N, C-alpha and C. Protein backbone atom coordinates (compact mmCIF):
# COMPACT_ATOMS: atom_id res chain seq x y z
N UNK A 1 111.01 127.00 121.82
CA UNK A 1 110.29 126.60 120.59
C UNK A 1 110.51 125.01 120.41
N UNK A 2 109.52 124.25 120.75
CA UNK A 2 109.54 122.79 120.67
C UNK A 2 109.93 122.56 119.12
N UNK A 3 110.69 121.43 118.83
CA UNK A 3 111.02 120.97 117.44
C UNK A 3 110.44 119.47 117.38
N UNK A 4 109.56 119.19 116.57
CA UNK A 4 109.11 117.67 116.36
C UNK A 4 109.82 117.34 115.24
N UNK A 5 110.53 116.19 115.14
CA UNK A 5 111.41 115.65 113.95
C UNK A 5 110.87 114.26 113.82
N UNK A 6 110.63 113.97 112.46
CA UNK A 6 110.08 112.77 111.84
C UNK A 6 111.14 112.43 110.85
N UNK A 7 111.42 111.24 110.99
CA UNK A 7 112.43 110.52 109.98
C UNK A 7 111.67 109.51 109.17
N UNK A 8 111.69 109.50 107.78
CA UNK A 8 111.21 108.37 107.24
C UNK A 8 111.77 108.11 105.68
N UNK A 9 111.71 107.17 105.13
CA UNK A 9 112.35 106.93 104.04
C UNK A 9 111.99 107.86 102.76
N UNK A 10 112.97 108.20 101.90
CA UNK A 10 112.64 109.11 100.68
C UNK A 10 111.55 108.38 99.97
N UNK A 11 110.64 109.31 99.59
CA UNK A 11 109.44 108.89 98.82
C UNK A 11 108.25 108.14 99.51
N UNK A 12 108.48 108.12 100.92
CA UNK A 12 107.29 107.39 101.67
C UNK A 12 105.96 108.30 101.62
N UNK A 13 106.20 109.62 101.54
CA UNK A 13 105.10 110.43 101.50
C UNK A 13 105.11 111.57 100.31
N UNK A 14 104.19 111.84 99.85
CA UNK A 14 104.07 112.77 98.68
C UNK A 14 103.94 114.27 99.66
N UNK A 15 104.03 115.36 98.76
CA UNK A 15 103.89 116.79 99.44
C UNK A 15 102.63 116.85 100.09
N UNK A 16 101.62 116.34 99.75
CA UNK A 16 100.26 116.46 100.42
C UNK A 16 100.36 115.72 101.60
N UNK A 17 100.64 114.55 101.72
CA UNK A 17 100.73 113.70 102.90
C UNK A 17 101.79 114.41 103.87
N UNK A 18 102.85 114.91 103.53
CA UNK A 18 103.89 115.78 104.39
C UNK A 18 103.10 116.88 105.06
N UNK A 19 102.37 117.48 104.31
CA UNK A 19 101.62 118.66 104.57
C UNK A 19 100.70 118.27 105.83
N UNK A 20 99.87 117.30 105.50
CA UNK A 20 98.99 116.77 106.60
C UNK A 20 99.72 116.14 107.92
N UNK A 21 100.87 115.49 107.72
CA UNK A 21 101.74 115.02 108.85
C UNK A 21 102.09 116.44 109.57
N UNK A 22 102.61 117.32 109.00
CA UNK A 22 102.99 118.60 109.82
C UNK A 22 101.89 119.28 110.62
N UNK A 23 100.54 119.34 109.88
CA UNK A 23 99.38 120.01 110.48
C UNK A 23 99.08 119.10 111.67
N UNK A 24 98.87 117.84 111.41
CA UNK A 24 98.32 116.88 112.41
C UNK A 24 99.24 116.82 113.61
N UNK A 25 100.69 116.56 113.45
CA UNK A 25 101.66 116.63 114.59
C UNK A 25 101.47 118.12 115.30
N UNK A 26 101.49 119.16 114.59
CA UNK A 26 101.39 120.52 115.32
C UNK A 26 100.23 120.51 116.17
N UNK A 27 98.70 120.26 115.39
CA UNK A 27 97.71 120.29 116.35
C UNK A 27 97.65 119.36 117.64
N UNK A 28 98.20 118.25 117.45
CA UNK A 28 98.32 117.30 118.65
C UNK A 28 99.18 117.93 119.75
N UNK A 29 100.37 118.43 119.27
CA UNK A 29 101.28 119.07 120.22
C UNK A 29 100.50 120.41 120.87
N UNK A 30 99.90 121.08 120.19
CA UNK A 30 99.15 122.29 120.72
C UNK A 30 98.33 121.72 121.93
N UNK A 31 97.47 120.59 121.49
CA UNK A 31 96.55 119.99 122.60
C UNK A 31 97.32 119.67 123.94
N UNK A 32 98.43 118.77 123.63
CA UNK A 32 99.16 118.39 124.72
C UNK A 32 99.93 119.41 125.48
N UNK A 33 100.49 120.28 124.80
CA UNK A 33 101.38 121.37 125.63
C UNK A 33 100.56 122.68 125.84
N UNK A 34 99.53 122.93 125.13
CA UNK A 34 98.90 124.14 125.41
C UNK A 34 99.64 125.35 125.01
N UNK A 35 100.46 125.27 123.93
CA UNK A 35 101.21 126.30 123.39
C UNK A 35 100.53 126.74 122.02
N UNK A 36 100.71 127.87 121.47
CA UNK A 36 100.30 128.28 120.20
C UNK A 36 100.94 127.60 119.22
N UNK A 37 100.17 127.20 117.82
CA UNK A 37 100.68 126.60 116.82
C UNK A 37 102.21 126.99 116.36
N UNK A 38 102.18 128.34 116.35
CA UNK A 38 103.52 128.99 115.75
C UNK A 38 104.59 128.67 116.81
N UNK A 39 104.51 128.17 117.82
CA UNK A 39 105.61 127.86 118.64
C UNK A 39 106.22 126.57 118.30
N UNK A 40 105.68 125.86 117.40
CA UNK A 40 106.24 124.44 117.12
C UNK A 40 107.00 124.45 115.55
N UNK A 41 107.92 123.73 115.42
CA UNK A 41 108.67 123.55 114.18
C UNK A 41 108.70 122.03 113.94
N UNK A 42 108.20 121.60 112.88
CA UNK A 42 108.16 120.20 112.34
C UNK A 42 109.20 119.97 111.25
N UNK A 43 110.05 118.99 111.56
CA UNK A 43 111.03 118.80 110.57
C UNK A 43 110.94 117.39 109.91
N UNK A 44 110.77 117.30 108.72
CA UNK A 44 110.67 115.79 108.09
C UNK A 44 111.98 115.51 107.45
N UNK A 45 112.70 114.45 108.09
CA UNK A 45 113.89 114.01 107.52
C UNK A 45 113.53 112.77 106.65
N UNK A 46 113.97 113.08 105.31
CA UNK A 46 113.83 111.88 104.30
C UNK A 46 115.22 111.29 104.20
N UNK A 47 115.15 110.08 104.53
CA UNK A 47 116.45 108.98 104.56
C UNK A 47 116.57 108.10 103.47
N UNK A 48 117.44 107.89 102.49
CA UNK A 48 117.71 106.86 101.63
C UNK A 48 117.89 105.63 102.19
N UNK A 49 117.47 104.69 101.50
CA UNK A 49 117.46 103.24 102.08
C UNK A 49 119.15 102.88 102.27
N UNK A 50 119.96 103.57 101.63
CA UNK A 50 121.28 103.18 101.85
C UNK A 50 122.00 104.12 102.85
N UNK A 51 121.16 105.10 103.44
CA UNK A 51 121.71 105.58 104.59
C UNK A 51 121.26 105.39 106.00
N UNK A 52 120.54 104.21 106.11
CA UNK A 52 119.98 103.59 107.22
C UNK A 52 120.36 102.17 107.40
N UNK A 53 120.90 102.00 108.47
CA UNK A 53 121.12 100.45 108.81
C UNK A 53 120.54 99.97 109.99
N UNK A 54 120.19 98.72 109.92
CA UNK A 54 119.70 97.99 111.12
C UNK A 54 120.32 96.56 111.09
N UNK A 55 120.98 96.40 112.40
CA UNK A 55 121.78 95.23 112.68
C UNK A 55 123.03 95.12 111.78
N UNK A 56 123.61 96.23 111.33
CA UNK A 56 124.86 96.17 110.51
C UNK A 56 124.47 95.95 109.06
N UNK A 57 123.27 96.11 108.67
CA UNK A 57 122.88 95.99 107.25
C UNK A 57 122.15 97.14 106.92
N UNK A 58 122.38 97.69 105.62
CA UNK A 58 121.48 98.94 105.18
C UNK A 58 120.15 98.40 104.79
N UNK A 59 119.14 99.30 104.85
CA UNK A 59 117.79 98.90 104.43
C UNK A 59 117.92 98.57 102.97
N UNK A 60 118.59 99.24 102.20
CA UNK A 60 118.69 98.86 100.75
C UNK A 60 119.02 97.37 100.78
N UNK A 61 120.03 96.94 101.34
CA UNK A 61 120.44 95.55 101.28
C UNK A 61 119.39 94.67 101.80
N UNK A 62 118.88 94.90 102.79
CA UNK A 62 117.81 94.05 103.67
C UNK A 62 116.62 94.00 102.61
N UNK A 63 116.13 95.06 101.97
CA UNK A 63 114.93 94.92 101.17
C UNK A 63 115.34 94.15 99.79
N UNK A 64 116.57 94.30 99.25
CA UNK A 64 117.01 93.61 98.21
C UNK A 64 117.11 91.99 98.44
N UNK A 65 117.50 91.82 99.79
CA UNK A 65 117.52 90.30 100.10
C UNK A 65 116.09 89.71 100.38
N UNK A 66 115.13 90.52 100.59
CA UNK A 66 113.72 89.98 100.75
C UNK A 66 113.05 89.64 99.44
N UNK A 67 113.57 90.18 98.37
CA UNK A 67 112.85 89.98 96.96
C UNK A 67 113.15 88.68 96.35
């Protein structure tokens, strides 16, 4: 069972957009791998900006500094 994992910031996509992401990634994986759609699991991880760091700084700090 292939698992497709997508990570994004909390609130970057609404429920309808997430549904589209799941459908589109599944369809593309079916085309590439030739497996039936029910073989795939798509996980969307929503991460808060204080839970992600780049270069030792959280995204929350980085975005605050850009304002």
